[in-house]
Amino acid sequence: MGSPCLIQLYAKSKKKGQEAADAAIADINRLESLYSRYRADSFLSKINRVAADAGSIAVDDETAGLLDYAATCYQQSDGLFDITSGILRQVWDFKSDQLPTHAEIDKIKKRIGWHRLKWERPVLSFGVPGMEIDFGGVVKEYAVDRAAALCFDAGIEHGVVNLGGDIKIIGPHPDGSPWRIAIQHPRNPDVALKILLLQSGALASSGDYERCITINGRRYGHVLNPKTGWPVSHMAAVSVVGEFCVVAGSASTIGMLKEALGADWLRDLGLPHLWIDTKGGTGGSLLDAE
């Protein structure tokens, strides 16, 4: 998953706990092998080889479900949450100290856009050569939800799954006390912006601090607007609590992508949330929550 992962479980025996954890870890590894863009043998890489030639491919039910969810996110975000935008990484190198040119971005934008796909279950067709899809904004959160469900099905009633800060609560501590979860300040990793007390549900965050470059005093984060090709610049971080991690994750990302409209969009969405903008302003229903 490209980040620190942790599963904490209370079980009636070490054997029961290990069996549950092993099942969850096996499923996480399965999803990574299917949908990693870093693996040439993944199903996602197979899809993208078809996409390179503007071809068509039939997908299985699980992949179809992810595509259906991606389509919903695209619609509900007015086209800002777009799984075809991952190819912007070809011009954005956050390990360098250089910005892409406007010409480079404009050229690659011609290969971005869910509207350039044709999705008729189970067949995905690409209308423009050189496109790609990237489930990076969906699969890790989906894996969190599945891992938690597998642990619960194995008899675990108390525990937490944390994959790189995307979190799902299986149940509170056995004494009924909540899990204490810190939301990191985007500008000071040693400071907690908020400590949440959660007995159930899921938490996911999005921000401009995980991968970024600073040039001439301006920070350019990795959350890229698919319509402009440039990083968002209004929100520094957004955290959302929901029943499912996949929903909290997409909501936090859309909140970032909405720029100055993000606060209103998150409020209207109605899920507990917290945001901090690039000027240090904060808001959201979780800000004053106990």
Protein backbone atom coordinates (compact mmCIF):
# COMPACT_ATOMS: atom_id res chain seq x y z
CA MET A 1 0.00 0.00 0.00
CA GLY A 2 3.05 2.25 -0.06
CA SER A 3 2.57 3.42 3.53
CA PRO A 4 2.72 2.16 7.14
CA CYS A 5 -0.13 -0.25 7.89
CA LEU A 6 -1.41 -1.49 11.24
CA ILE A 7 -4.12 -3.90 12.36
CA GLN A 8 -4.92 -4.02 16.09
CA LEU A 9 -7.33 -6.69 17.30
CA TYR A 10 -8.74 -8.00 20.55
CA ALA A 11 -9.42 -11.73 20.29
CA LYS A 12 -10.41 -14.57 22.61
CA SER A 13 -7.14 -16.29 21.81
CA LYS A 14 -3.91 -15.55 20.02
CA LYS A 15 -4.85 -18.18 17.42
CA LYS A 16 -8.21 -16.53 16.67
CA GLY A 17 -6.58 -13.13 16.43
CA GLN A 18 -3.84 -14.38 14.13
CA GLU A 19 -6.33 -16.14 11.85
CA ALA A 20 -8.38 -12.97 11.51
CA ALA A 21 -5.31 -10.82 10.88
CA ASP A 22 -3.95 -13.29 8.34
CA ALA A 23 -7.23 -13.26 6.40
CA ALA A 24 -7.26 -9.45 6.36
CA ILE A 25 -3.62 -9.17 5.30
CA ALA A 26 -4.09 -11.77 2.56
CA ASP A 27 -7.00 -9.77 1.13
CA ILE A 28 -5.03 -6.52 1.29
CA ASN A 29 -2.18 -8.20 -0.61
CA ARG A 30 -4.69 -9.58 -3.11
CA LEU A 31 -6.08 -6.13 -3.84
CA GLU A 32 -2.61 -4.65 -4.17
CA SER A 33 -1.62 -7.36 -6.64
CA LEU A 34 -4.77 -6.70 -8.68
CA TYR A 35 -4.82 -2.91 -8.71
CA SER A 36 -1.28 -1.63 -8.18
CA ARG A 37 -0.02 0.55 -11.02
CA TYR A 38 3.53 -0.34 -9.95
CA ARG A 39 3.14 -4.00 -10.90
CA ALA A 40 3.31 -4.97 -14.55
CA ASP A 41 1.40 -8.19 -13.79
CA SER A 42 -1.56 -6.46 -12.09
CA PHE A 43 -5.01 -6.42 -13.66
CA LEU A 44 -4.87 -2.62 -13.62
CA SER A 45 -1.72 -2.73 -15.76
CA LYS A 46 -3.54 -5.06 -18.16
CA ILE A 47 -6.41 -2.56 -18.37
CA ASN A 48 -3.97 0.27 -19.04
CA ARG A 49 -2.22 -1.66 -21.80
CA VAL A 50 -5.64 -1.91 -23.48
CA ALA A 51 -6.23 1.78 -22.76
CA ALA A 52 -2.98 2.72 -24.49
CA ASP A 53 -4.47 1.50 -27.78
CA ALA A 54 -7.96 2.94 -27.12
CA GLY A 55 -9.30 -0.61 -26.83
CA SER A 56 -12.01 -2.36 -24.80
CA ILE A 57 -11.82 -4.90 -21.98
CA ALA A 58 -14.33 -6.93 -19.98
CA VAL A 59 -13.84 -6.76 -16.23
CA ASP A 60 -14.89 -8.92 -13.27
CA ASP A 61 -17.62 -7.99 -10.79
CA GLU A 62 -15.26 -6.54 -8.17
CA THR A 63 -13.56 -4.24 -10.69
CA ALA A 64 -16.98 -3.32 -12.08
CA GLY A 65 -18.07 -2.28 -8.60
CA LEU A 66 -15.02 -0.02 -8.27
CA LEU A 67 -15.75 1.51 -11.67
CA ASP A 68 -19.38 2.09 -10.70
CA TYR A 69 -18.21 3.87 -7.56
CA ALA A 70 -15.70 5.93 -9.55
CA ALA A 71 -18.49 6.95 -11.93
CA THR A 72 -20.63 8.08 -8.99
CA CYS A 73 -17.76 10.11 -7.52
CA TYR A 74 -17.14 11.74 -10.91
CA GLN A 75 -20.77 12.78 -11.15
CA GLN A 76 -21.10 14.00 -7.57
CA SER A 77 -17.88 16.02 -7.80
CA ASP A 78 -18.79 17.72 -11.10
CA GLY A 79 -15.95 15.90 -12.80
CA LEU A 80 -13.25 16.69 -10.24
CA PHE A 81 -12.85 13.15 -8.86
CA ASP A 82 -11.59 11.44 -11.99
CA ILE A 83 -9.71 8.13 -12.00
CA THR A 84 -8.27 8.92 -15.45
CA SER A 85 -6.22 11.83 -14.06
CA GLY A 86 -3.40 9.68 -12.66
CA ILE A 87 -1.36 10.16 -15.82
CA LEU A 88 -0.65 13.70 -14.68
CA ARG A 89 2.17 12.07 -12.70
CA GLN A 90 3.98 11.84 -16.05
CA VAL A 91 4.54 15.61 -15.95
CA TRP A 92 4.47 16.21 -12.19
CA ASP A 93 7.63 14.98 -10.47
CA PHE A 94 7.41 15.76 -6.77
CA LYS A 95 10.96 14.59 -6.23
CA SER A 96 12.34 17.32 -8.49
CA ASP A 97 12.49 21.07 -8.06
CA GLN A 98 10.90 21.87 -11.40
CA LEU A 99 7.36 22.63 -12.49
CA PRO A 100 5.88 21.22 -15.69
CA THR A 101 5.21 23.72 -18.46
CA HIS A 102 1.71 24.78 -19.41
CA ALA A 103 2.27 23.13 -22.79
CA GLU A 104 3.15 19.80 -21.15
CA ILE A 105 0.04 19.93 -19.00
CA ASP A 106 -2.24 20.95 -21.87
CA LYS A 107 -0.91 18.07 -23.97
CA ILE A 108 -1.58 15.42 -21.31
CA LYS A 109 -5.02 16.84 -20.46
CA LYS A 110 -6.19 15.58 -23.86
CA ARG A 111 -5.88 12.06 -22.45
CA ILE A 112 -7.78 12.79 -19.24
CA GLY A 113 -11.51 12.60 -18.65
CA TRP A 114 -14.04 10.00 -17.51
CA HIS A 115 -16.27 11.37 -20.27
CA ARG A 116 -13.76 9.95 -22.76
CA LEU A 117 -14.51 6.44 -21.49
CA LYS A 118 -17.48 4.24 -22.26
CA TRP A 119 -18.47 2.14 -19.28
CA GLU A 120 -21.20 -0.39 -19.95
CA ARG A 121 -20.89 -3.18 -17.42
CA PRO A 122 -18.88 -5.36 -17.80
CA VAL A 123 -17.07 -3.68 -20.74
CA LEU A 124 -14.81 -0.65 -20.32
CA SER A 125 -13.83 1.11 -23.55
CA PHE A 126 -11.32 3.92 -24.05
CA GLY A 127 -12.06 6.60 -26.61
CA VAL A 128 -8.61 8.20 -26.81
CA PRO A 129 -5.23 6.43 -27.19
CA GLY A 130 -2.82 6.76 -24.30
CA MET A 131 -5.36 6.98 -21.49
CA GLU A 132 -4.98 5.28 -18.11
CA ILE A 133 -7.07 4.66 -15.06
CA ASP A 134 -5.75 4.69 -11.51
CA PHE A 135 -7.69 3.32 -8.54
CA GLY A 136 -5.31 4.97 -6.07
CA GLY A 137 -8.05 7.17 -4.65
CA VAL A 138 -10.39 4.24 -4.03
CA VAL A 139 -8.70 0.87 -3.52
CA LYS A 140 -6.78 1.55 -0.28
CA GLU A 141 -9.96 2.71 1.43
CA TYR A 142 -11.88 -0.21 -0.07
CA ALA A 143 -9.18 -2.52 1.30
CA VAL A 144 -9.63 -1.01 4.78
CA ASP A 145 -13.36 -1.70 4.72
CA ARG A 146 -12.86 -5.27 3.49
CA ALA A 147 -10.15 -6.01 6.05
CA ALA A 148 -12.36 -4.79 8.89
CA ALA A 149 -15.31 -6.83 7.59
CA LEU A 150 -13.18 -9.97 7.31
CA CYS A 151 -11.98 -9.55 10.90
CA PHE A 152 -15.55 -9.07 12.12
CA ASP A 153 -16.70 -12.14 10.19
CA ALA A 154 -13.90 -14.07 11.92
CA GLY A 155 -15.39 -13.21 15.30
CA ILE A 156 -13.44 -10.05 16.13
CA GLU A 157 -15.68 -7.44 17.79
CA HIS A 158 -13.03 -4.99 18.99
CA GLY A 159 -10.23 -3.58 16.87
CA VAL A 160 -9.06 -1.14 14.25
CA VAL A 161 -7.57 -1.32 10.75
CA ASN A 162 -5.23 1.49 9.71
CA LEU A 163 -3.75 1.51 6.22
CA GLY A 164 -1.64 4.63 5.84
CA GLY A 165 -4.00 6.79 7.88
CA ASP A 166 -7.19 5.43 6.32
CA ILE A 167 -8.97 3.88 9.28
CA LYS A 168 -11.94 1.64 10.01
CA ILE A 169 -13.09 0.83 13.54
CA ILE A 170 -14.25 -2.77 14.00
CA GLY A 171 -15.50 -1.97 17.49
CA PRO A 172 -14.43 -0.05 20.62
CA HIS A 173 -12.03 -1.39 23.22
CA PRO A 174 -13.55 -4.29 25.19
CA ASP A 175 -14.37 -1.95 28.10
CA GLY A 176 -16.43 0.20 25.72
CA SER A 177 -13.93 3.05 25.56
CA PRO A 178 -13.30 4.67 22.16
CA TRP A 179 -10.15 4.62 20.08
CA ARG A 180 -8.14 7.85 20.26
CA ILE A 181 -7.13 8.87 16.74
CA ALA A 182 -5.01 11.91 15.99
CA ILE A 183 -5.48 14.01 12.85
CA GLN A 184 -2.07 15.30 11.82
CA HIS A 185 -1.50 19.01 11.30
CA PRO A 186 -0.55 19.43 7.62
CA ARG A 187 2.27 21.85 8.38
CA ASN A 188 3.62 20.30 11.59
CA PRO A 189 3.74 16.49 11.66
CA ASP A 190 4.48 16.51 15.39
CA VAL A 191 1.25 18.37 16.20
CA ALA A 192 -2.25 16.89 16.26
CA LEU A 193 -4.84 19.15 14.69
CA LYS A 194 -7.54 17.20 16.52
CA ILE A 195 -7.86 14.07 18.65
CA LEU A 196 -10.97 12.09 17.74
CA LEU A 197 -12.65 9.53 19.99
CA LEU A 198 -14.24 6.89 17.78
CA GLN A 199 -16.14 3.76 18.79
CA SER A 200 -17.24 2.91 15.26
CA GLY A 201 -17.12 4.11 11.68
CA ALA A 202 -14.19 5.15 9.52
CA LEU A 203 -11.84 8.09 9.06
CA ALA A 204 -9.92 9.19 5.97
CA SER A 205 -7.86 12.26 5.22
CA SER A 206 -6.49 14.03 2.17
CA GLY A 207 -3.89 16.78 2.11
CA ASP A 208 -1.13 18.60 0.29
CA TYR A 209 1.59 17.41 2.68
CA GLU A 210 2.25 13.79 1.69
CA ARG A 211 3.99 14.61 -1.59
CA CYS A 212 4.78 18.18 -2.50
CA ILE A 213 7.42 20.56 -3.81
CA THR A 214 8.02 24.17 -2.84
CA ILE A 215 9.23 26.57 -5.52
CA ASN A 216 9.70 30.31 -4.97
CA GLY A 217 7.96 29.99 -1.63
CA ARG A 218 4.85 28.32 -3.04
CA ARG A 219 3.82 24.78 -2.14
CA TYR A 220 2.58 22.47 -4.89
CA GLY A 221 0.87 19.39 -3.49
CA HIS A 222 0.02 16.07 -5.13
CA VAL A 223 -3.77 16.56 -5.20
CA LEU A 224 -4.21 17.58 -8.83
CA ASN A 225 -7.26 19.12 -10.46
CA PRO A 226 -7.99 16.99 -13.58
CA LYS A 227 -9.54 19.94 -15.38
CA THR A 228 -6.60 22.32 -14.98
CA GLY A 229 -3.79 19.81 -14.48
CA TRP A 230 -2.47 21.87 -11.55
CA PRO A 231 -2.43 21.20 -7.80
CA VAL A 232 -5.23 22.49 -5.64
CA SER A 233 -4.23 25.50 -3.58
CA HIS A 234 -7.04 26.36 -1.18
CA MET A 235 -7.30 23.45 1.27
CA ALA A 236 -4.23 22.09 3.06
CA ALA A 237 -6.02 19.05 4.50
CA VAL A 238 -9.49 17.56 4.84
CA SER A 239 -10.59 14.71 7.13
CA VAL A 240 -13.98 13.01 6.96
CA VAL A 241 -15.68 10.45 9.21
CA GLY A 242 -18.21 8.06 7.71
CA GLU A 243 -19.59 4.57 8.07
CA PHE A 244 -17.28 3.30 5.32
CA CYS A 245 -13.69 4.30 4.68
CA VAL A 246 -14.14 4.35 0.91
CA VAL A 247 -16.84 7.02 1.27
CA ALA A 248 -14.82 9.05 3.79
CA GLY A 249 -11.79 8.86 1.48
CA SER A 250 -13.51 10.06 -1.67
CA ALA A 251 -15.32 12.79 0.29
CA SER A 252 -12.06 14.12 1.75
CA THR A 253 -10.46 14.18 -1.71
CA ILE A 254 -13.44 15.92 -3.29
CA GLY A 255 -13.35 18.45 -0.44
CA MET A 256 -9.76 19.24 -1.44
CA LEU A 257 -10.59 19.39 -5.16
CA LYS A 258 -13.52 21.77 -4.62
CA GLU A 259 -11.04 24.49 -3.58
CA ALA A 260 -12.86 27.50 -2.05
CA LEU A 261 -16.19 25.70 -2.45
CA GLY A 262 -14.93 22.73 -0.43
CA ALA A 263 -16.17 23.93 2.96
CA ASP A 264 -19.72 24.42 1.68
CA TRP A 265 -19.66 21.11 -0.20
CA LEU A 266 -18.54 19.23 2.90
CA ARG A 267 -21.16 20.95 5.06
CA ASP A 268 -23.90 20.05 2.60
CA LEU A 269 -22.65 16.45 2.42
CA GLY A 270 -23.50 16.14 6.09
CA LEU A 271 -20.70 13.81 7.22
CA PRO A 272 -18.56 14.77 10.25
CA HIS A 273 -15.50 16.56 8.91
CA LEU A 274 -12.60 18.88 9.61
CA TRP A 275 -10.60 21.08 7.26
CA ILE A 276 -7.69 23.46 7.39
CA ASP A 277 -6.89 25.79 4.53
CA THR A 278 -3.48 26.90 3.29
CA LYS A 279 -3.75 30.15 5.27
CA GLY A 280 -4.29 28.29 8.54
CA GLY A 281 -8.05 28.76 8.77
CA THR A 282 -9.99 25.80 10.15
CA GLY A 283 -13.57 24.64 10.08
CA GLY A 284 -15.93 21.71 9.98
CA SER A 285 -18.33 19.92 12.28
CA LEU A 286 -15.51 17.99 14.02
CA LEU A 287 -13.63 21.12 15.06
CA ASP A 288 -15.46 21.59 18.33
CA ALA A 289 -16.60 18.00 18.79
CA GLU A 290 -15.58 16.18 21.94
